[in-house]
Amino acid sequence: MSKKLIVPAEVKICATCSYWDGERQVDTELRTVVVDDKCQGHCLVQDVTRCAMTDEFEFFPDCLWEHLAPDEPSDNEKAN
């Protein structure tokens, strides 16, 4: 059994990016992402394989990191 990592969804690493296609479990209520410690996935933007824990902003300035968490509802959406 591999070790699991629980990461806050706000941390800017590959595993918490909408453009990373790898095995992960996302808990939207707790705002966490769970991945295996050695998990890898495919970066859909750069078309390369990346480790889940790669910090894209530190190493790849052309990263188009997008947060996994849904956007906050607008005032109009809240009123409906």
PDB file of N, CA and C in Angstrom:
ATOM      1  N   MET A   1       0.845  -1.181   0.000  1.00  0.00           N
ATOM      2  CA  MET A   1       0.000   0.000   0.000  1.00  0.00           C
ATOM      3  C   MET A   1       0.891   1.245   0.000  1.00  0.00           C
ATOM      4  N   SER A   2       0.613   2.159  -0.902  1.00  0.00           N
ATOM      5  CA  SER A   2       1.429   3.372  -0.994  1.00  0.00           C
ATOM      6  C   SER A   2       0.955   4.429  -0.001  1.00  0.00           C
ATOM      7  N   LYS A   3       1.867   5.343   0.304  1.00  0.00           N
ATOM      8  CA  LYS A   3       1.532   6.439   1.190  1.00  0.00           C
ATOM      9  C   LYS A   3       0.651   7.435   0.450  1.00  0.00           C
ATOM     10  N   LYS A   4      -0.269   8.038   1.163  1.00  0.00           N
ATOM     11  CA  LYS A   4      -1.157   9.049   0.591  1.00  0.00           C
ATOM     12  C   LYS A   4      -0.793  10.413   1.158  1.00  0.00           C
ATOM     13  N   LEU A   5      -0.926  11.427   0.333  1.00  0.00           N
ATOM     14  CA  LEU A   5      -0.686  12.800   0.747  1.00  0.00           C
ATOM     15  C   LEU A   5      -2.007  13.549   0.676  1.00  0.00           C
ATOM     16  N   ILE A   6      -2.292  14.330   1.707  1.00  0.00           N
ATOM     17  CA  ILE A   6      -3.479  15.170   1.726  1.00  0.00           C
ATOM     18  C   ILE A   6      -3.004  16.611   1.625  1.00  0.00           C
ATOM     19  N   VAL A   7      -3.417  17.279   0.567  1.00  0.00           N
ATOM     20  CA  VAL A   7      -2.912  18.618   0.257  1.00  0.00           C
ATOM     21  C   VAL A   7      -4.090  19.592   0.192  1.00  0.00           C
ATOM     22  N   PRO A   8      -3.973  20.764   0.824  1.00  0.00           N
ATOM     23  CA  PRO A   8      -5.025  21.767   0.651  1.00  0.00           C
ATOM     24  C   PRO A   8      -5.164  22.139  -0.822  1.00  0.00           C
ATOM     25  N   ALA A   9      -6.385  22.286  -1.285  1.00  0.00           N
ATOM     26  CA  ALA A   9      -6.630  22.569  -2.703  1.00  0.00           C
ATOM     27  C   ALA A   9      -6.012  23.886  -3.146  1.00  0.00           C
ATOM     28  N   GLU A  10      -5.735  24.785  -2.222  1.00  0.00           N
ATOM     29  CA  GLU A  10      -5.167  26.092  -2.574  1.00  0.00           C
ATOM     30  C   GLU A  10      -3.671  26.046  -2.880  1.00  0.00           C
ATOM     31  N   VAL A  11      -2.993  24.962  -2.530  1.00  0.00           N
ATOM     32  CA  VAL A  11      -1.558  24.849  -2.766  1.00  0.00           C
ATOM     33  C   VAL A  11      -1.318  24.679  -4.266  1.00  0.00           C
ATOM     34  N   LYS A  12      -0.445  25.491  -4.828  1.00  0.00           N
ATOM     35  CA  LYS A  12      -0.231  25.494  -6.278  1.00  0.00           C
ATOM     36  C   LYS A  12       0.814  24.463  -6.694  1.00  0.00           C
ATOM     37  N   ILE A  13       0.349  23.216  -6.780  1.00  0.00           N
ATOM     38  CA  ILE A  13       1.167  22.110  -7.286  1.00  0.00           C
ATOM     39  C   ILE A  13       0.355  21.412  -8.371  1.00  0.00           C
ATOM     40  N   CYS A  14       0.996  20.549  -9.112  1.00  0.00           N
ATOM     41  CA  CYS A  14       0.316  19.880 -10.231  1.00  0.00           C
ATOM     42  C   CYS A  14      -0.960  19.142  -9.793  1.00  0.00           C
ATOM     43  N   ALA A  15      -0.923  18.457  -8.671  1.00  0.00           N
ATOM     44  CA  ALA A  15      -2.071  17.659  -8.228  1.00  0.00           C
ATOM     45  C   ALA A  15      -3.312  18.495  -7.961  1.00  0.00           C
ATOM     46  N   THR A  16      -3.158  19.796  -7.708  1.00  0.00           N
ATOM     47  CA  THR A  16      -4.307  20.650  -7.418  1.00  0.00           C
ATOM     48  C   THR A  16      -4.675  21.535  -8.604  1.00  0.00           C
ATOM     49  N   CYS A  17      -4.130  21.241  -9.761  1.00  0.00           N
ATOM     50  CA  CYS A  17      -4.381  22.033 -10.965  1.00  0.00           C
ATOM     51  C   CYS A  17      -5.450  21.367 -11.829  1.00  0.00           C
ATOM     52  N   SER A  18      -6.352  22.164 -12.382  1.00  0.00           N
ATOM     53  CA  SER A  18      -7.397  21.637 -13.264  1.00  0.00           C
ATOM     54  C   SER A  18      -6.827  21.025 -14.535  1.00  0.00           C
ATOM     55  N   TYR A  19      -5.625  21.429 -14.928  1.00  0.00           N
ATOM     56  CA  TYR A  19      -5.009  20.944 -16.165  1.00  0.00           C
ATOM     57  C   TYR A  19      -4.142  19.701 -15.965  1.00  0.00           C
ATOM     58  N   TRP A  20      -4.115  19.146 -14.761  1.00  0.00           N
ATOM     59  CA  TRP A  20      -3.310  17.952 -14.480  1.00  0.00           C
ATOM     60  C   TRP A  20      -4.228  16.738 -14.519  1.00  0.00           C
ATOM     61  N   ASP A  21      -3.901  15.754 -15.355  1.00  0.00           N
ATOM     62  CA  ASP A  21      -4.722  14.570 -15.530  1.00  0.00           C
ATOM     63  C   ASP A  21      -4.026  13.378 -14.894  1.00  0.00           C
ATOM     64  N   GLY A  22      -4.241  13.209 -13.605  1.00  0.00           N
ATOM     65  CA  GLY A  22      -3.640  12.108 -12.859  1.00  0.00           C
ATOM     66  C   GLY A  22      -4.641  11.605 -11.830  1.00  0.00           C
ATOM     67  N   GLU A  23      -4.301  10.494 -11.181  1.00  0.00           N
ATOM     68  CA  GLU A  23      -5.209   9.924 -10.193  1.00  0.00           C
ATOM     69  C   GLU A  23      -5.152  10.730  -8.904  1.00  0.00           C
ATOM     70  N   ARG A  24      -6.318  11.223  -8.501  1.00  0.00           N
ATOM     71  CA  ARG A  24      -6.433  11.998  -7.273  1.00  0.00           C
ATOM     72  C   ARG A  24      -7.870  11.918  -6.801  1.00  0.00           C
ATOM     73  N   GLN A  25      -8.045  12.186  -5.521  1.00  0.00           N
ATOM     74  CA  GLN A  25      -9.385  12.284  -4.952  1.00  0.00           C
ATOM     75  C   GLN A  25      -9.543  13.717  -4.471  1.00  0.00           C
ATOM     76  N   VAL A  26     -10.610  14.365  -4.875  1.00  0.00           N
ATOM     77  CA  VAL A  26     -10.850  15.750  -4.508  1.00  0.00           C
ATOM     78  C   VAL A  26     -12.047  15.805  -3.578  1.00  0.00           C
ATOM     79  N   ASP A  27     -11.850  16.399  -2.411  1.00  0.00           N
ATOM     80  CA  ASP A  27     -12.945  16.616  -1.464  1.00  0.00           C
ATOM     81  C   ASP A  27     -13.278  18.097  -1.490  1.00  0.00           C
ATOM     82  N   THR A  28     -14.358  18.460  -2.194  1.00  0.00           N
ATOM     83  CA  THR A  28     -14.699  19.877  -2.344  1.00  0.00           C
ATOM     84  C   THR A  28     -15.197  20.485  -1.042  1.00  0.00           C
ATOM     85  N   GLU A  29     -15.774  19.667  -0.172  1.00  0.00           N
ATOM     86  CA  GLU A  29     -16.261  20.189   1.111  1.00  0.00           C
ATOM     87  C   GLU A  29     -15.098  20.576   2.023  1.00  0.00           C
ATOM     88  N   LEU A  30     -14.103  19.707   2.119  1.00  0.00           N
ATOM     89  CA  LEU A  30     -12.932  19.988   2.955  1.00  0.00           C
ATOM     90  C   LEU A  30     -11.854  20.764   2.213  1.00  0.00           C
ATOM     91  N   ARG A  31     -12.024  20.899   0.886  1.00  0.00           N
ATOM     92  CA  ARG A  31     -11.077  21.605   0.022  1.00  0.00           C
ATOM     93  C   ARG A  31      -9.678  20.984   0.101  1.00  0.00           C
ATOM     94  N   THR A  32      -9.646  19.663  -0.079  1.00  0.00           N
ATOM     95  CA  THR A  32      -8.381  18.933  -0.060  1.00  0.00           C
ATOM     96  C   THR A  32      -8.283  18.029  -1.285  1.00  0.00           C
ATOM     97  N   VAL A  33      -7.042  17.664  -1.601  1.00  0.00           N
ATOM     98  CA  VAL A  33      -6.752  16.730  -2.684  1.00  0.00           C
ATOM     99  C   VAL A  33      -5.897  15.614  -2.088  1.00  0.00           C
ATOM    100  N   VAL A  34      -6.246  14.370  -2.387  1.00  0.00           N
ATOM    101  CA  VAL A  34      -5.497  13.215  -1.888  1.00  0.00           C
ATOM    102  C   VAL A  34      -4.863  12.507  -3.079  1.00  0.00           C
ATOM    103  N   VAL A  35      -3.536  12.313  -3.007  1.00  0.00           N
ATOM    104  CA  VAL A  35      -2.798  11.625  -4.065  1.00  0.00           C
ATOM    105  C   VAL A  35      -1.798  10.665  -3.443  1.00  0.00           C
ATOM    106  N   ASP A  36      -1.375   9.661  -4.221  1.00  0.00           N
ATOM    107  CA  ASP A  36      -0.276   8.794  -3.785  1.00  0.00           C
ATOM    108  C   ASP A  36       0.998   9.618  -3.771  1.00  0.00           C
ATOM    109  N   ASP A  37       1.908   9.288  -2.877  1.00  0.00           N
ATOM    110  CA  ASP A  37       3.126  10.104  -2.729  1.00  0.00           C
ATOM    111  C   ASP A  37       4.017  10.110  -3.961  1.00  0.00           C
ATOM    112  N   LYS A  38       3.924   9.093  -4.810  1.00  0.00           N
ATOM    113  CA  LYS A  38       4.765   9.043  -6.022  1.00  0.00           C
ATOM    114  C   LYS A  38       3.919   9.118  -7.297  1.00  0.00           C
ATOM    115  N   CYS A  39       2.714   9.628  -7.176  1.00  0.00           N
ATOM    116  CA  CYS A  39       1.785   9.699  -8.303  1.00  0.00           C
ATOM    117  C   CYS A  39       2.285  10.649  -9.382  1.00  0.00           C
ATOM    118  N   GLN A  40       2.079  10.258 -10.625  1.00  0.00           N
ATOM    119  CA  GLN A  40       2.385  11.113 -11.769  1.00  0.00           C
ATOM    120  C   GLN A  40       1.139  11.237 -12.629  1.00  0.00           C
ATOM    121  N   GLY A  41       1.060  12.313 -13.365  1.00  0.00           N
ATOM    122  CA  GLY A  41      -0.065  12.538 -14.262  1.00  0.00           C
ATOM    123  C   GLY A  41       0.393  13.349 -15.450  1.00  0.00           C
ATOM    124  N   HIS A  42      -0.503  13.554 -16.364  1.00  0.00           N
ATOM    125  CA  HIS A  42      -0.180  14.252 -17.597  1.00  0.00           C
ATOM    126  C   HIS A  42      -0.629  15.703 -17.505  1.00  0.00           C
ATOM    127  N   CYS A  43       0.280  16.635 -17.787  1.00  0.00           N
ATOM    128  CA  CYS A  43      -0.056  18.053 -17.843  1.00  0.00           C
ATOM    129  C   CYS A  43      -0.685  18.317 -19.202  1.00  0.00           C
ATOM    130  N   LEU A  44      -1.940  18.720 -19.210  1.00  0.00           N
ATOM    131  CA  LEU A  44      -2.659  18.941 -20.465  1.00  0.00           C
ATOM    132  C   LEU A  44      -2.205  20.204 -21.185  1.00  0.00           C
ATOM    133  N   VAL A  45      -1.593  21.137 -20.470  1.00  0.00           N
ATOM    134  CA  VAL A  45      -1.117  22.381 -21.070  1.00  0.00           C
ATOM    135  C   VAL A  45       0.228  22.170 -21.759  1.00  0.00           C
ATOM    136  N   GLN A  46       1.174  21.553 -21.046  1.00  0.00           N
ATOM    137  CA  GLN A  46       2.529  21.383 -21.569  1.00  0.00           C
ATOM    138  C   GLN A  46       2.738  20.043 -22.256  1.00  0.00           C
ATOM    139  N   ASP A  47       1.732  19.146 -22.188  1.00  0.00           N
ATOM    140  CA  ASP A  47       1.798  17.837 -22.831  1.00  0.00           C
ATOM    141  C   ASP A  47       3.013  17.032 -22.376  1.00  0.00           C
ATOM    142  N   VAL A  48       3.222  17.006 -21.042  1.00  0.00           N
ATOM    143  CA  VAL A  48       4.313  16.245 -20.441  1.00  0.00           C
ATOM    144  C   VAL A  48       3.805  15.555 -19.172  1.00  0.00           C
ATOM    145  N   THR A  49       4.540  14.533 -18.737  1.00  0.00           N
ATOM    146  CA  THR A  49       4.215  13.856 -17.488  1.00  0.00           C
ATOM    147  C   THR A  49       4.877  14.597 -16.333  1.00  0.00           C
ATOM    148  N   ARG A  50       4.097  14.855 -15.290  1.00  0.00           N
ATOM    149  CA  ARG A  50       4.598  15.573 -14.123  1.00  0.00           C
ATOM    150  C   ARG A  50       4.209  14.823 -12.852  1.00  0.00           C
ATOM    151  N   CYS A  51       5.090  14.889 -11.871  1.00  0.00           N
ATOM    152  CA  CYS A  51       4.805  14.370 -10.538  1.00  0.00           C
ATOM    153  C   CYS A  51       3.705  15.225  -9.914  1.00  0.00           C
ATOM    154  N   ALA A  52       2.827  14.614  -9.146  1.00  0.00           N
ATOM    155  CA  ALA A  52       1.718  15.331  -8.511  1.00  0.00           C
ATOM    156  C   ALA A  52       2.194  16.483  -7.628  1.00  0.00           C
ATOM    157  N   MET A  53       3.369  16.341  -7.033  1.00  0.00           N
ATOM    158  CA  MET A  53       3.858  17.344  -6.088  1.00  0.00           C
ATOM    159  C   MET A  53       4.731  18.413  -6.739  1.00  0.00           C
ATOM    160  N   THR A  54       4.838  18.433  -8.071  1.00  0.00           N
ATOM    161  CA  THR A  54       5.652  19.438  -8.746  1.00  0.00           C
ATOM    162  C   THR A  54       5.057  20.822  -8.541  1.00  0.00           C
ATOM    163  N   ASP A  55       5.903  21.765  -8.154  1.00  0.00           N
ATOM    164  CA  ASP A  55       5.502  23.158  -7.978  1.00  0.00           C
ATOM    165  C   ASP A  55       5.725  23.863  -9.302  1.00  0.00           C
ATOM    166  N   GLU A  56       4.682  23.989 -10.086  1.00  0.00           N
ATOM    167  CA  GLU A  56       4.805  24.526 -11.443  1.00  0.00           C
ATOM    168  C   GLU A  56       5.299  25.965 -11.482  1.00  0.00           C
ATOM    169  N   PHE A  57       4.842  26.806 -10.586  1.00  0.00           N
ATOM    170  CA  PHE A  57       5.239  28.211 -10.639  1.00  0.00           C
ATOM    171  C   PHE A  57       6.727  28.402 -10.367  1.00  0.00           C
ATOM    172  N   GLU A  58       7.285  27.561  -9.537  1.00  0.00           N
ATOM    173  CA  GLU A  58       8.709  27.697  -9.219  1.00  0.00           C
ATOM    174  C   GLU A  58       9.580  27.261 -10.391  1.00  0.00           C
ATOM    175  N   PHE A  59       9.167  26.214 -11.072  1.00  0.00           N
ATOM    176  CA  PHE A  59      10.022  25.627 -12.098  1.00  0.00           C
ATOM    177  C   PHE A  59       9.601  25.949 -13.535  1.00  0.00           C
ATOM    178  N   PHE A  60       8.336  26.246 -13.771  1.00  0.00           N
ATOM    179  CA  PHE A  60       7.835  26.418 -15.128  1.00  0.00           C
ATOM    180  C   PHE A  60       7.013  27.698 -15.238  1.00  0.00           C
ATOM    181  N   PRO A  61       7.649  28.804 -15.587  1.00  0.00           N
ATOM    182  CA  PRO A  61       6.931  30.086 -15.612  1.00  0.00           C
ATOM    183  C   PRO A  61       5.824  30.154 -16.658  1.00  0.00           C
ATOM    184  N   ASP A  62       5.805  29.253 -17.647  1.00  0.00           N
ATOM    185  CA  ASP A  62       4.749  29.277 -18.656  1.00  0.00           C
ATOM    186  C   ASP A  62       3.543  28.420 -18.269  1.00  0.00           C
ATOM    187  N   CYS A  63       3.499  27.971 -17.022  1.00  0.00           N
ATOM    188  CA  CYS A  63       2.394  27.155 -16.539  1.00  0.00           C
ATOM    189  C   CYS A  63       1.092  27.957 -16.544  1.00  0.00           C
ATOM    190  N   LEU A  64       0.006  27.301 -16.919  1.00  0.00           N
ATOM    191  CA  LEU A  64      -1.318  27.925 -16.897  1.00  0.00           C
ATOM    192  C   LEU A  64      -2.144  27.345 -15.757  1.00  0.00           C
ATOM    193  N   TRP A  65      -1.561  27.279 -14.572  1.00  0.00           N
ATOM    194  CA  TRP A  65      -2.206  26.670 -13.410  1.00  0.00           C
ATOM    195  C   TRP A  65      -3.592  27.245 -13.186  1.00  0.00           C
ATOM    196  N   GLU A  66      -4.559  26.362 -12.996  1.00  0.00           N
ATOM    197  CA  GLU A  66      -5.932  26.769 -12.715  1.00  0.00           C
ATOM    198  C   GLU A  66      -6.428  25.993 -11.505  1.00  0.00           C
ATOM    199  N   HIS A  67      -6.940  26.692 -10.536  1.00  0.00           N
ATOM    200  CA  HIS A  67      -7.395  26.117  -9.270  1.00  0.00           C
ATOM    201  C   HIS A  67      -8.515  25.103  -9.488  1.00  0.00           C
ATOM    202  N   LEU A  68      -8.480  23.999  -8.749  1.00  0.00           N
ATOM    203  CA  LEU A  68      -9.517  22.972  -8.828  1.00  0.00           C
ATOM    204  C   LEU A  68     -10.848  23.422  -8.234  1.00  0.00           C
ATOM    205  N   ALA A  69     -10.795  24.252  -7.210  1.00  0.00           N
ATOM    206  CA  ALA A  69     -12.015  24.636  -6.495  1.00  0.00           C
ATOM    207  C   ALA A  69     -12.934  25.447  -7.404  1.00  0.00           C
ATOM    208  N   PRO A  70     -14.235  25.247  -7.256  1.00  0.00           N
ATOM    209  CA  PRO A  70     -15.170  26.015  -8.083  1.00  0.00           C
ATOM    210  C   PRO A  70     -15.136  27.496  -7.709  1.00  0.00           C
ATOM    211  N   ASP A  71     -15.473  28.338  -8.689  1.00  0.00           N
ATOM    212  CA  ASP A  71     -15.536  29.772  -8.436  1.00  0.00           C
ATOM    213  C   ASP A  71     -16.651  30.076  -7.443  1.00  0.00           C
ATOM    214  N   GLU A  72     -16.475  31.161  -6.707  1.00  0.00           N
ATOM    215  CA  GLU A  72     -17.524  31.612  -5.795  1.00  0.00           C
ATOM    216  C   GLU A  72     -18.721  32.065  -6.630  1.00  0.00           C
ATOM    217  N   PRO A  73     -19.947  31.751  -6.186  1.00  0.00           N
ATOM    218  CA  PRO A  73     -21.108  32.203  -6.954  1.00  0.00           C
ATOM    219  C   PRO A  73     -21.219  33.721  -6.940  1.00  0.00           C
ATOM    220  N   SER A  74     -21.676  34.267  -8.063  1.00  0.00           N
ATOM    221  CA  SER A  74     -21.851  35.722  -8.152  1.00  0.00           C
ATOM    222  C   SER A  74     -23.064  36.118  -7.327  1.00  0.00           C
ATOM    223  N   ASP A  75     -23.246  37.418  -7.114  1.00  0.00           N
ATOM    224  CA  ASP A  75     -24.401  37.913  -6.356  1.00  0.00           C
ATOM    225  C   ASP A  75     -25.706  37.516  -7.028  1.00  0.00           C
ATOM    226  N   ASN A  76     -25.727  37.515  -8.368  1.00  0.00           N
ATOM    227  CA  ASN A  76     -26.935  37.121  -9.104  1.00  0.00           C
ATOM    228  C   ASN A  76     -27.263  35.643  -8.873  1.00  0.00           C
ATOM    229  N   GLU A  77     -26.249  34.806  -8.863  1.00  0.00           N
ATOM    230  CA  GLU A  77     -26.454  33.378  -8.627  1.00  0.00           C
ATOM    231  C   GLU A  77     -26.926  33.112  -7.203  1.00  0.00           C
ATOM    232  N   LYS A  78     -26.389  33.874  -6.242  1.00  0.00           N
ATOM    233  CA  LYS A  78     -26.799  33.721  -4.848  1.00  0.00           C
ATOM    234  C   LYS A  78     -28.256  34.106  -4.652  1.00  0.00           C
ATOM    235  N   ALA A  79     -28.729  35.123  -5.395  1.00  0.00           N
ATOM    236  CA  ALA A  79     -30.106  35.596  -5.257  1.00  0.00           C
ATOM    237  C   ALA A  79     -31.128  34.607  -5.811  1.00  0.00           C
ATOM    238  N   ASN A  80     -30.705  33.781  -6.748  1.00  0.00           N
ATOM    239  CA  ASN A  80     -31.648  32.803  -7.358  1.00  0.00           C
ATOM    240  C   ASN A  80     -31.708  31.606  -6.539  1.00  0.00           C
TER     241      ASN A  80
END
